[in-house]
Protein backbone atom coordinates (compact mmCIF):
# COMPACT_ATOMS: atom_id res chain seq x y z
CA UNK A 1 0.00 0.00 0.00
CA UNK A 2 2.87 2.44 0.72
CA UNK A 3 4.10 2.22 -2.86
CA UNK A 4 0.75 3.54 -4.12
CA UNK A 5 0.82 6.39 -1.59
CA UNK A 6 4.30 7.38 -2.77
CA UNK A 7 3.27 7.15 -6.41
CA UNK A 8 0.27 9.50 -6.00
CA UNK A 9 2.36 12.73 -5.90
CA UNK A 10 4.35 11.59 -8.92
CA UNK A 11 1.15 10.83 -10.84
CA UNK A 12 -0.25 14.24 -9.88
CA UNK A 13 2.87 15.85 -11.30
CA UNK A 14 2.70 13.85 -14.52
CA UNK A 15 -1.01 14.33 -15.13
CA UNK A 16 -1.13 18.05 -14.39
CA UNK A 17 2.02 18.77 -16.36
CA UNK A 18 0.61 16.85 -19.31
CA UNK A 19 -2.60 18.88 -19.13
CA UNK A 20 -0.73 22.17 -19.25
CA UNK A 21 1.26 21.68 -22.41
CA UNK A 22 3.98 24.19 -23.12
CA UNK A 23 4.65 24.96 -19.46
CA UNK A 24 8.25 25.14 -18.31
CA UNK A 25 9.07 24.23 -14.74
CA UNK A 26 9.55 27.35 -12.65
CA UNK A 27 12.84 27.94 -10.90
CA UNK A 28 12.86 26.93 -7.24
CA UNK A 29 12.95 29.81 -4.79
CA UNK A 30 14.18 29.66 -1.21
CA UNK A 31 12.11 32.64 -0.06
CA UNK A 32 8.79 32.18 1.73
CA UNK A 33 5.57 32.45 -0.22
CA UNK A 34 3.00 35.14 0.66
CA UNK A 35 0.11 34.29 2.97
CA UNK A 36 -3.20 33.44 1.28
CA UNK A 37 -6.23 35.62 0.82
CA UNK A 38 -8.68 32.88 -0.17
CA UNK A 39 -12.36 33.05 -0.94
CA UNK A 40 -15.13 31.03 -2.47
CA UNK A 41 -17.96 32.13 -4.70
CA UNK A 42 -18.57 34.17 -7.83
CA UNK A 43 -15.11 35.75 -8.03
CA UNK A 44 -13.51 32.34 -8.63
CA UNK A 45 -11.64 32.06 -11.96
CA UNK A 46 -13.46 29.92 -14.52
CA UNK A 47 -12.29 26.35 -13.84
CA UNK A 48 -14.44 24.69 -16.55
CA UNK A 49 -16.15 22.57 -13.91
CA UNK A 50 -18.74 19.92 -14.81
CA UNK A 51 -22.37 20.83 -14.14
CA UNK A 52 -22.87 17.91 -11.77
CA UNK A 53 -20.05 16.66 -9.58
CA UNK A 54 -19.30 15.59 -6.03
CA UNK A 55 -16.88 18.21 -4.67
CA UNK A 56 -14.19 17.22 -2.19
CA UNK A 57 -13.00 20.84 -2.15
CA UNK A 58 -15.40 23.43 -3.61
CA UNK A 59 -14.11 26.03 -6.05
CA UNK A 60 -11.83 28.31 -4.04
CA UNK A 61 -9.81 31.28 -5.21
CA UNK A 62 -7.18 33.44 -3.64
CA UNK A 63 -3.70 34.89 -3.75
CA UNK A 64 -0.73 33.89 -1.69
CA UNK A 65 0.07 30.45 -0.33
CA UNK A 66 -2.82 28.39 1.02
CA UNK A 67 -3.17 24.92 2.46
CA UNK A 68 -6.19 23.34 0.80
CA UNK A 69 -8.68 21.96 3.30
CA UNK A 70 -7.67 18.31 3.92
CA UNK A 71 -10.07 15.81 2.35
CA UNK A 72 -10.75 12.08 1.94
CA UNK A 73 -11.75 10.54 -1.37
CA UNK A 74 -14.35 7.77 -1.27
CA UNK A 75 -12.50 5.96 -4.03
CA UNK A 76 -8.97 5.64 -5.35
CA UNK A 77 -8.96 8.68 -7.66
CA UNK A 78 -9.90 12.36 -7.57
CA UNK A 79 -9.78 15.15 -10.17
CA UNK A 80 -8.08 18.54 -9.70
CA UNK A 81 -9.02 21.70 -11.65
CA UNK A 82 -6.39 24.46 -11.26
CA UNK A 83 -5.85 27.86 -12.90
CA UNK A 84 -4.05 31.16 -12.26
CA UNK A 85 -3.80 34.71 -13.62
CA UNK A 86 -0.82 37.01 -13.30
CA UNK A 87 2.92 36.78 -13.87
CA UNK A 88 4.75 33.53 -13.31
CA UNK A 89 2.80 30.56 -12.11
CA UNK A 90 1.70 28.49 -9.17
CA UNK A 91 2.72 25.19 -7.69
CA UNK A 92 0.54 22.49 -6.16
CA UNK A 93 2.12 19.98 -3.84
CA UNK A 94 1.66 17.67 -0.90
CA UNK A 95 4.94 18.44 0.88
CA UNK A 96 6.44 15.00 0.21
CA UNK A 97 7.62 15.46 -3.38
CA UNK A 98 8.35 18.17 -5.92
CA UNK A 99 5.19 20.22 -6.53
CA UNK A 100 3.46 20.47 -9.90
CA UNK A 101 4.11 23.78 -11.67
CA UNK A 102 1.33 25.51 -13.63
CA UNK A 103 2.03 28.59 -15.74
CA UNK A 104 -0.43 31.45 -15.43
CA UNK A 105 -2.39 32.39 -18.53
CA UNK A 106 -2.59 28.74 -19.62
CA UNK A 107 -5.85 26.86 -20.02
CA UNK A 108 -7.28 25.21 -16.93
CA UNK A 109 -5.02 22.40 -15.70
CA UNK A 110 -7.13 19.30 -15.11
CA UNK A 111 -5.64 16.08 -13.79
CA UNK A 112 -6.48 12.77 -12.16
CA UNK A 113 -4.72 11.76 -8.95
CA UNK A 114 -4.70 8.07 -8.04
CA UNK A 115 -4.41 7.35 -4.31
CA UNK A 116 -4.93 4.71 -1.64
CA UNK A 117 -8.65 4.64 -0.86
CA UNK A 118 -9.58 6.55 2.30
CA UNK A 119 -6.17 8.18 2.87
CA UNK A 120 -6.38 11.84 3.94
CA UNK A 121 -5.10 14.20 1.24
CA UNK A 122 -3.43 17.53 2.07
CA UNK A 123 -2.31 19.90 -0.70
CA UNK A 124 -0.81 23.40 -0.79
CA UNK A 125 -1.22 26.04 -3.50
CA UNK A 126 1.81 28.37 -3.76
CA UNK A 127 1.97 31.25 -6.28
CA UNK A 128 5.21 32.85 -7.49
CA UNK A 129 3.88 36.29 -6.51
CA UNK A 130 1.36 37.63 -4.01
CA UNK A 131 -0.31 39.43 -6.96
CA UNK A 132 -1.00 36.11 -8.70
CA UNK A 133 -4.65 35.08 -8.48
CA UNK A 134 -5.45 31.37 -8.48
CA UNK A 135 -8.44 29.04 -8.29
CA UNK A 136 -8.74 25.35 -7.45
CA UNK A 137 -11.51 22.78 -7.12
CA UNK A 138 -11.16 19.09 -6.30
CA UNK A 139 -13.82 16.63 -7.42
CA UNK A 140 -14.54 13.07 -6.39
CA UNK A 141 -13.69 10.37 -8.88
CA UNK A 142 -12.37 10.33 -12.41
CA UNK A 143 -13.89 13.29 -14.22
CA UNK A 144 -13.53 14.16 -17.91
CA UNK A 145 -10.13 15.73 -18.62
CA UNK A 146 -11.22 18.11 -21.37
CA UNK A 147 -13.12 21.26 -20.36
Foldseek 3Di string as FASTA:
>chain_A
DVVQAVCQQVQVQVQLCVQQPPDDDDDDDPDAKFAKDKDDDDVQDDQVDDPDFAFQAAKMKIFIKDKGDKGAAQDFKKKKKKAKADAAWKWKGQPPDGTHTHGHPTHIRMGMGGHDHGDIGIMMIGGPHRPMMMIMTMTHDDDDRDD
